[in-house]
Structure formats: structure tokens, C-alpha cells
């Protein structure tokens, strides 16, 4: 399984969208500041995730959520 997820920063309430094969380990890495892009915004809480059968679908949905229409969908339906 692969996952697409949304994290919320407890520091500044911003959101981080990503995808991974190991959701628990990825959240640990974000909170230990081991992920370069999000390291200045830690700690995080997981606010949403969805499982996908393959990596391509998870990454595709991640890219959609990062688009302008996906941004609106995220705010209206997911968080």
C-alpha cells in the first residue's frame, strides 16, 4: 500500500502534503526534522490520509491536492 497524506504544522498551522509507502515512519521523520522541506515547521499532526494500491496513484493524488483545484477540494472536503 501507498499513502497520500496531509499534515498540519503545530508551529504555524500550515499544511504539508506528501505520499509514502510507510506512513508511520514518514510522520516520525517529519517530526524529527529529518525532512528538509518541512523541517522548519515541525512538529506536525496527521489530519488526513488515504491508501492507494500503487505508488503512481498516490503520487498522482498528491499532485492533484497541490494544484489550485485540489487546494479547494482539500479545504472543502478533507480538512
PDB file of N, CA and C in Angstrom:
ATOM      1  N   UNK A   1       0.830  -1.187   0.000  1.00  0.00           N
ATOM      2  CA  UNK A   1       0.000   0.000   0.000  1.00  0.00           C
ATOM      3  C   UNK A   1       0.877   1.254   0.000  1.00  0.00           C
ATOM      4  N   UNK A   2       0.364   2.276  -0.629  1.00  0.00           N
ATOM      5  CA  UNK A   2       0.990   3.591  -0.627  1.00  0.00           C
ATOM      6  C   UNK A   2      -0.028   4.583  -0.091  1.00  0.00           C
ATOM      7  N   UNK A   3       0.459   5.661   0.467  1.00  0.00           N
ATOM      8  CA  UNK A   3      -0.419   6.625   1.120  1.00  0.00           C
ATOM      9  C   UNK A   3      -0.163   8.038   0.615  1.00  0.00           C
ATOM     10  N   UNK A   4      -1.232   8.792   0.506  1.00  0.00           N
ATOM     11  CA  UNK A   4      -1.167  10.232   0.312  1.00  0.00           C
ATOM     12  C   UNK A   4      -1.658  10.810   1.633  1.00  0.00           C
ATOM     13  N   UNK A   5      -0.998  11.853   2.126  1.00  0.00           N
ATOM     14  CA  UNK A   5      -1.335  12.347   3.461  1.00  0.00           C
ATOM     15  C   UNK A   5      -1.251  13.865   3.536  1.00  0.00           C
ATOM     16  N   UNK A   6      -1.930  14.398   4.535  1.00  0.00           N
ATOM     17  CA  UNK A   6      -1.876  15.827   4.833  1.00  0.00           C
ATOM     18  C   UNK A   6      -1.497  15.980   6.297  1.00  0.00           C
ATOM     19  N   UNK A   7      -0.461  16.766   6.526  1.00  0.00           N
ATOM     20  CA  UNK A   7      -0.026  17.085   7.884  1.00  0.00           C
ATOM     21  C   UNK A   7      -0.336  18.549   8.168  1.00  0.00           C
ATOM     22  N   UNK A   8      -0.590  18.844   9.428  1.00  0.00           N
ATOM     23  CA  UNK A   8      -0.773  20.232   9.852  1.00  0.00           C
ATOM     24  C   UNK A   8       0.320  20.572  10.852  1.00  0.00           C
ATOM     25  N   UNK A   9       1.006  21.668  10.598  1.00  0.00           N
ATOM     26  CA  UNK A   9       2.062  22.124  11.493  1.00  0.00           C
ATOM     27  C   UNK A   9       1.452  22.652  12.783  1.00  0.00           C
ATOM     28  N   UNK A  10       1.961  22.180  13.904  1.00  0.00           N
ATOM     29  CA  UNK A  10       1.526  22.702  15.199  1.00  0.00           C
ATOM     30  C   UNK A  10       2.239  24.015  15.521  1.00  0.00           C
ATOM     31  N   UNK A  11       3.239  24.337  14.722  1.00  0.00           N
ATOM     32  CA  UNK A  11       4.005  25.570  14.923  1.00  0.00           C
ATOM     33  C   UNK A  11       3.305  26.775  14.287  1.00  0.00           C
ATOM     34  N   UNK A  12       2.876  26.624  13.023  1.00  0.00           N
ATOM     35  CA  UNK A  12       2.276  27.769  12.335  1.00  0.00           C
ATOM     36  C   UNK A  12       0.962  27.446  11.618  1.00  0.00           C
ATOM     37  N   UNK A  13       0.432  26.244  11.836  1.00  0.00           N
ATOM     38  CA  UNK A  13      -0.845  25.797  11.272  1.00  0.00           C
ATOM     39  C   UNK A  13      -0.849  25.679   9.751  1.00  0.00           C
ATOM     40  N   UNK A  14       0.314  25.643   9.117  1.00  0.00           N
ATOM     41  CA  UNK A  14       0.379  25.412   7.678  1.00  0.00           C
ATOM     42  C   UNK A  14       0.215  23.915   7.406  1.00  0.00           C
ATOM     43  N   UNK A  15      -0.001  23.581   6.138  1.00  0.00           N
ATOM     44  CA  UNK A  15      -0.214  22.190   5.755  1.00  0.00           C
ATOM     45  C   UNK A  15       0.931  21.685   4.889  1.00  0.00           C
ATOM     46  N   UNK A  16       1.184  20.398   4.997  1.00  0.00           N
ATOM     47  CA  UNK A  16       2.172  19.718   4.170  1.00  0.00           C
ATOM     48  C   UNK A  16       1.474  18.518   3.542  1.00  0.00           C
ATOM     49  N   UNK A  17       1.606  18.362   2.237  1.00  0.00           N
ATOM     50  CA  UNK A  17       1.003  17.244   1.510  1.00  0.00           C
ATOM     51  C   UNK A  17       2.127  16.383   0.971  1.00  0.00           C
ATOM     52  N   UNK A  18       2.009  15.069   1.160  1.00  0.00           N
ATOM     53  CA  UNK A  18       3.032  14.161   0.675  1.00  0.00           C
ATOM     54  C   UNK A  18       2.475  12.787   0.382  1.00  0.00           C
ATOM     55  N   UNK A  19       3.362  11.893  -0.051  1.00  0.00           N
ATOM     56  CA  UNK A  19       2.991  10.497  -0.278  1.00  0.00           C
ATOM     57  C   UNK A  19       4.152   9.620   0.176  1.00  0.00           C
ATOM     58  N   UNK A  20       3.828   8.396   0.579  1.00  0.00           N
ATOM     59  CA  UNK A  20       4.840   7.497   1.127  1.00  0.00           C
ATOM     60  C   UNK A  20       4.340   6.062   1.142  1.00  0.00           C
ATOM     61  N   UNK A  21       5.260   5.148   1.313  1.00  0.00           N
ATOM     62  CA  UNK A  21       4.898   3.743   1.484  1.00  0.00           C
ATOM     63  C   UNK A  21       4.700   3.410   2.967  1.00  0.00           C
ATOM     64  N   UNK A  22       5.408   4.107   3.844  1.00  0.00           N
ATOM     65  CA  UNK A  22       5.334   3.842   5.283  1.00  0.00           C
ATOM     66  C   UNK A  22       4.899   5.116   6.007  1.00  0.00           C
ATOM     67  N   UNK A  23       3.614   5.236   6.242  1.00  0.00           N
ATOM     68  CA  UNK A  23       3.050   6.464   6.805  1.00  0.00           C
ATOM     69  C   UNK A  23       3.558   6.748   8.216  1.00  0.00           C
ATOM     70  N   UNK A  24       3.610   5.739   9.062  1.00  0.00           N
ATOM     71  CA  UNK A  24       4.069   5.952  10.443  1.00  0.00           C
ATOM     72  C   UNK A  24       5.512   6.445  10.480  1.00  0.00           C
ATOM     73  N   UNK A  25       6.374   5.809   9.703  1.00  0.00           N
ATOM     74  CA  UNK A  25       7.788   6.195   9.678  1.00  0.00           C
ATOM     75  C   UNK A  25       7.961   7.598   9.098  1.00  0.00           C
ATOM     76  N   UNK A  26       7.183   7.925   8.086  1.00  0.00           N
ATOM     77  CA  UNK A  26       7.291   9.245   7.468  1.00  0.00           C
ATOM     78  C   UNK A  26       6.884  10.345   8.455  1.00  0.00           C
ATOM     79  N   UNK A  27       5.836  10.109   9.236  1.00  0.00           N
ATOM     80  CA  UNK A  27       5.418  11.088  10.243  1.00  0.00           C
ATOM     81  C   UNK A  27       6.507  11.278  11.296  1.00  0.00           C
ATOM     82  N   UNK A  28       7.141  10.192  11.702  1.00  0.00           N
ATOM     83  CA  UNK A  28       8.253  10.275  12.656  1.00  0.00           C
ATOM     84  C   UNK A  28       9.372  11.132  12.067  1.00  0.00           C
ATOM     85  N   UNK A  29       9.706  10.907  10.788  1.00  0.00           N
ATOM     86  CA  UNK A  29      10.775  11.687  10.144  1.00  0.00           C
ATOM     87  C   UNK A  29      10.421  13.172  10.080  1.00  0.00           C
ATOM     88  N   UNK A  30       9.176  13.477   9.742  1.00  0.00           N
ATOM     89  CA  UNK A  30       8.760  14.891   9.717  1.00  0.00           C
ATOM     90  C   UNK A  30       8.928  15.517  11.099  1.00  0.00           C
ATOM     91  N   UNK A  31       8.508  14.822  12.130  1.00  0.00           N
ATOM     92  CA  UNK A  31       8.567  15.381  13.481  1.00  0.00           C
ATOM     93  C   UNK A  31       9.976  15.420  14.058  1.00  0.00           C
ATOM     94  N   UNK A  32      10.891  14.615  13.525  1.00  0.00           N
ATOM     95  CA  UNK A  32      12.299  14.673  13.945  1.00  0.00           C
ATOM     96  C   UNK A  32      13.101  15.652  13.091  1.00  0.00           C
ATOM     97  N   UNK A  33      12.407  16.382  12.228  1.00  0.00           N
ATOM     98  CA  UNK A  33      13.019  17.374  11.332  1.00  0.00           C
ATOM     99  C   UNK A  33      14.005  16.746  10.357  1.00  0.00           C
ATOM    100  N   UNK A  34      13.744  15.512   9.964  1.00  0.00           N
ATOM    101  CA  UNK A  34      14.612  14.799   9.031  1.00  0.00           C
ATOM    102  C   UNK A  34      14.177  14.985   7.580  1.00  0.00           C
ATOM    103  N   UNK A  35      13.100  15.726   7.354  1.00  0.00           N
ATOM    104  CA  UNK A  35      12.618  16.019   6.005  1.00  0.00           C
ATOM    105  C   UNK A  35      12.931  17.487   5.740  1.00  0.00           C
ATOM    106  N   UNK A  36      13.799  17.729   4.792  1.00  0.00           N
ATOM    107  CA  UNK A  36      14.336  19.065   4.563  1.00  0.00           C
ATOM    108  C   UNK A  36      13.256  20.137   4.385  1.00  0.00           C
ATOM    109  N   UNK A  37      12.296  19.894   3.506  1.00  0.00           N
ATOM    110  CA  UNK A  37      11.294  20.916   3.184  1.00  0.00           C
ATOM    111  C   UNK A  37      10.457  21.316   4.394  1.00  0.00           C
ATOM    112  N   UNK A  38      10.116  20.362   5.227  1.00  0.00           N
ATOM    113  CA  UNK A  38       9.207  20.646   6.342  1.00  0.00           C
ATOM    114  C   UNK A  38       9.907  20.832   7.686  1.00  0.00           C
ATOM    115  N   UNK A  39      11.211  20.782   7.714  1.00  0.00           N
ATOM    116  CA  UNK A  39      11.940  20.786   8.990  1.00  0.00           C
ATOM    117  C   UNK A  39      11.714  22.047   9.828  1.00  0.00           C
ATOM    118  N   UNK A  40      11.468  23.171   9.202  1.00  0.00           N
ATOM    119  CA  UNK A  40      11.281  24.412   9.959  1.00  0.00           C
ATOM    120  C   UNK A  40       9.871  24.556  10.522  1.00  0.00           C
ATOM    121  N   UNK A  41       8.975  23.649  10.140  1.00  0.00           N
ATOM    122  CA  UNK A  41       7.583  23.760  10.563  1.00  0.00           C
ATOM    123  C   UNK A  41       7.157  22.684  11.554  1.00  0.00           C
ATOM    124  N   UNK A  42       8.067  21.807  11.958  1.00  0.00           N
ATOM    125  CA  UNK A  42       7.757  20.733  12.912  1.00  0.00           C
ATOM    126  C   UNK A  42       7.449  21.342  14.273  1.00  0.00           C
ATOM    127  N   UNK A  43       6.630  20.693  15.062  1.00  0.00           N
ATOM    128  CA  UNK A  43       6.031  19.364  14.923  1.00  0.00           C
ATOM    129  C   UNK A  43       4.738  19.398  14.096  1.00  0.00           C
ATOM    130  N   UNK A  44       4.321  18.200  13.660  1.00  0.00           N
ATOM    131  CA  UNK A  44       3.131  18.033  12.837  1.00  0.00           C
ATOM    132  C   UNK A  44       2.161  17.056  13.467  1.00  0.00           C
ATOM    133  N   UNK A  45       0.889  17.198  13.050  1.00  0.00           N
ATOM    134  CA  UNK A  45      -0.087  16.157  13.355  1.00  0.00           C
ATOM    135  C   UNK A  45      -0.700  15.716  12.029  1.00  0.00           C
ATOM    136  N   UNK A  46      -1.021  14.454  11.943  1.00  0.00           N
ATOM    137  CA  UNK A  46      -1.653  13.893  10.754  1.00  0.00           C
ATOM    138  C   UNK A  46      -3.129  14.269  10.781  1.00  0.00           C
ATOM    139  N   UNK A  47      -3.607  14.946   9.728  1.00  0.00           N
ATOM    140  CA  UNK A  47      -5.012  15.352   9.697  1.00  0.00           C
ATOM    141  C   UNK A  47      -5.833  14.562   8.683  1.00  0.00           C
ATOM    142  N   UNK A  48      -5.171  13.920   7.700  1.00  0.00           N
ATOM    143  CA  UNK A  48      -5.893  13.138   6.700  1.00  0.00           C
ATOM    144  C   UNK A  48      -4.907  12.228   5.983  1.00  0.00           C
ATOM    145  N   UNK A  49      -5.389  11.058   5.596  1.00  0.00           N
ATOM    146  CA  UNK A  49      -4.615  10.182   4.715  1.00  0.00           C
ATOM    147  C   UNK A  49      -5.553   9.259   3.964  1.00  0.00           C
ATOM    148  N   UNK A  50      -5.057   8.733   2.847  1.00  0.00           N
ATOM    149  CA  UNK A  50      -5.797   7.756   2.061  1.00  0.00           C
ATOM    150  C   UNK A  50      -4.804   6.733   1.532  1.00  0.00           C
ATOM    151  N   UNK A  51      -5.235   5.480   1.481  1.00  0.00           N
ATOM    152  CA  UNK A  51      -4.387   4.392   0.988  1.00  0.00           C
ATOM    153  C   UNK A  51      -4.666   4.145  -0.491  1.00  0.00           C
ATOM    154  N   UNK A  52      -3.610   3.825  -1.235  1.00  0.00           N
ATOM    155  CA  UNK A  52      -3.704   3.519  -2.661  1.00  0.00           C
ATOM    156  C   UNK A  52      -2.992   2.202  -2.929  1.00  0.00           C
ATOM    157  N   UNK A  53      -3.425   1.508  -3.965  1.00  0.00           N
ATOM    158  CA  UNK A  53      -2.838   0.208  -4.289  1.00  0.00           C
ATOM    159  C   UNK A  53      -1.449   0.318  -4.898  1.00  0.00           C
ATOM    160  N   UNK A  54      -1.147   1.458  -5.534  1.00  0.00           N
ATOM    161  CA  UNK A  54       0.186   1.601  -6.121  1.00  0.00           C
ATOM    162  C   UNK A  54       0.705   3.028  -5.959  1.00  0.00           C
ATOM    163  N   UNK A  55       1.994   3.156  -6.128  1.00  0.00           N
ATOM    164  CA  UNK A  55       2.681   4.432  -5.924  1.00  0.00           C
ATOM    165  C   UNK A  55       2.191   5.501  -6.896  1.00  0.00           C
ATOM    166  N   UNK A  56       1.964   5.116  -8.145  1.00  0.00           N
ATOM    167  CA  UNK A  56       1.559   6.081  -9.162  1.00  0.00           C
ATOM    168  C   UNK A  56       0.261   6.793  -8.782  1.00  0.00           C
ATOM    169  N   UNK A  57      -0.706   6.053  -8.261  1.00  0.00           N
ATOM    170  CA  UNK A  57      -1.982   6.666  -7.882  1.00  0.00           C
ATOM    171  C   UNK A  57      -1.816   7.585  -6.669  1.00  0.00           C
ATOM    172  N   UNK A  58      -0.993   7.182  -5.716  1.00  0.00           N
ATOM    173  CA  UNK A  58      -0.752   8.018  -4.535  1.00  0.00           C
ATOM    174  C   UNK A  58      -0.070   9.325  -4.928  1.00  0.00           C
ATOM    175  N   UNK A  59       0.943   9.238  -5.779  1.00  0.00           N
ATOM    176  CA  UNK A  59       1.670  10.438  -6.218  1.00  0.00           C
ATOM    177  C   UNK A  59       0.767  11.319  -7.078  1.00  0.00           C
ATOM    178  N   UNK A  60      -0.045  10.706  -7.917  1.00  0.00           N
ATOM    179  CA  UNK A  60      -0.973  11.462  -8.751  1.00  0.00           C
ATOM    180  C   UNK A  60      -1.962  12.250  -7.889  1.00  0.00           C
ATOM    181  N   UNK A  61      -2.490  11.630  -6.842  1.00  0.00           N
ATOM    182  CA  UNK A  61      -3.428  12.332  -5.965  1.00  0.00           C
ATOM    183  C   UNK A  61      -2.706  13.416  -5.167  1.00  0.00           C
ATOM    184  N   UNK A  62      -1.470  13.159  -4.776  1.00  0.00           N
ATOM    185  CA  UNK A  62      -0.667  14.188  -4.105  1.00  0.00           C
ATOM    186  C   UNK A  62      -0.524  15.413  -5.007  1.00  0.00           C
ATOM    187  N   UNK A  63      -0.198  15.195  -6.273  1.00  0.00           N
ATOM    188  CA  UNK A  63      -0.039  16.305  -7.215  1.00  0.00           C
ATOM    189  C   UNK A  63      -1.359  17.060  -7.399  1.00  0.00           C
ATOM    190  N   UNK A  64      -2.463  16.319  -7.444  1.00  0.00           N
ATOM    191  CA  UNK A  64      -3.775  16.964  -7.553  1.00  0.00           C
ATOM    192  C   UNK A  64      -4.035  17.861  -6.341  1.00  0.00           C
ATOM    193  N   UNK A  65      -3.773  17.349  -5.138  1.00  0.00           N
ATOM    194  CA  UNK A  65      -4.022  18.141  -3.930  1.00  0.00           C
ATOM    195  C   UNK A  65      -3.168  19.402  -3.880  1.00  0.00           C
ATOM    196  N   UNK A  66      -2.037  19.385  -4.563  1.00  0.00           N
ATOM    197  CA  UNK A  66      -1.153  20.552  -4.600  1.00  0.00           C
ATOM    198  C   UNK A  66      -1.549  21.551  -5.688  1.00  0.00           C
ATOM    199  N   UNK A  67      -2.496  21.164  -6.564  1.00  0.00           N
ATOM    200  CA  UNK A  67      -2.964  22.056  -7.629  1.00  0.00           C
ATOM    201  C   UNK A  67      -4.013  23.018  -7.075  1.00  0.00           C
ATOM    202  N   UNK A  68      -4.380  24.023  -7.861  1.00  0.00           N
ATOM    203  CA  UNK A  68      -5.361  25.001  -7.377  1.00  0.00           C
ATOM    204  C   UNK A  68      -6.735  24.372  -7.150  1.00  0.00           C
ATOM    205  N   UNK A  69      -7.190  23.506  -8.035  1.00  0.00           N
ATOM    206  CA  UNK A  69      -8.491  22.857  -7.809  1.00  0.00           C
ATOM    207  C   UNK A  69      -8.401  21.858  -6.662  1.00  0.00           C
ATOM    208  N   UNK A  70      -7.263  21.196  -6.520  1.00  0.00           N
ATOM    209  CA  UNK A  70      -7.059  20.276  -5.405  1.00  0.00           C
ATOM    210  C   UNK A  70      -7.002  21.003  -4.074  1.00  0.00           C
ATOM    211  N   UNK A  71      -6.455  22.210  -4.084  1.00  0.00           N
ATOM    212  CA  UNK A  71      -6.403  23.038  -2.879  1.00  0.00           C
ATOM    213  C   UNK A  71      -7.822  23.314  -2.379  1.00  0.00           C
ATOM    214  N   UNK A  72      -8.709  23.676  -3.298  1.00  0.00           N
ATOM    215  CA  UNK A  72     -10.103  23.946  -2.931  1.00  0.00           C
ATOM    216  C   UNK A  72     -10.788  22.672  -2.441  1.00  0.00           C
ATOM    217  N   UNK A  73     -10.563  21.561  -3.124  1.00  0.00           N
ATOM    218  CA  UNK A  73     -11.139  20.272  -2.718  1.00  0.00           C
ATOM    219  C   UNK A  73     -10.656  19.887  -1.326  1.00  0.00           C
ATOM    220  N   UNK A  74      -9.363  20.038  -1.095  1.00  0.00           N
ATOM    221  CA  UNK A  74      -8.780  19.721   0.217  1.00  0.00           C
ATOM    222  C   UNK A  74      -9.457  20.517   1.321  1.00  0.00           C
ATOM    223  N   UNK A  75      -9.563  21.811   1.120  1.00  0.00           N
ATOM    224  CA  UNK A  75     -10.126  22.672   2.158  1.00  0.00           C
ATOM    225  C   UNK A  75     -11.613  22.435   2.390  1.00  0.00           C
ATOM    226  N   UNK A  76     -12.327  22.062   1.340  1.00  0.00           N
ATOM    227  CA  UNK A  76     -13.771  21.868   1.469  1.00  0.00           C
ATOM    228  C   UNK A  76     -14.139  20.469   1.953  1.00  0.00           C
ATOM    229  N   UNK A  77     -13.385  19.446   1.536  1.00  0.00           N
ATOM    230  CA  UNK A  77     -13.792  18.066   1.785  1.00  0.00           C
ATOM    231  C   UNK A  77     -12.906  17.263   2.739  1.00  0.00           C
ATOM    232  N   UNK A  78     -11.634  17.622   2.860  1.00  0.00           N
ATOM    233  CA  UNK A  78     -10.710  16.746   3.588  1.00  0.00           C
ATOM    234  C   UNK A  78     -10.293  17.257   4.958  1.00  0.00           C
ATOM    235  N   UNK A  79     -10.228  18.569   5.130  1.00  0.00           N
ATOM    236  CA  UNK A  79      -9.754  19.088   6.420  1.00  0.00           C
ATOM    237  C   UNK A  79     -10.754  20.050   7.037  1.00  0.00           C
TER     238      UNK A  79
END
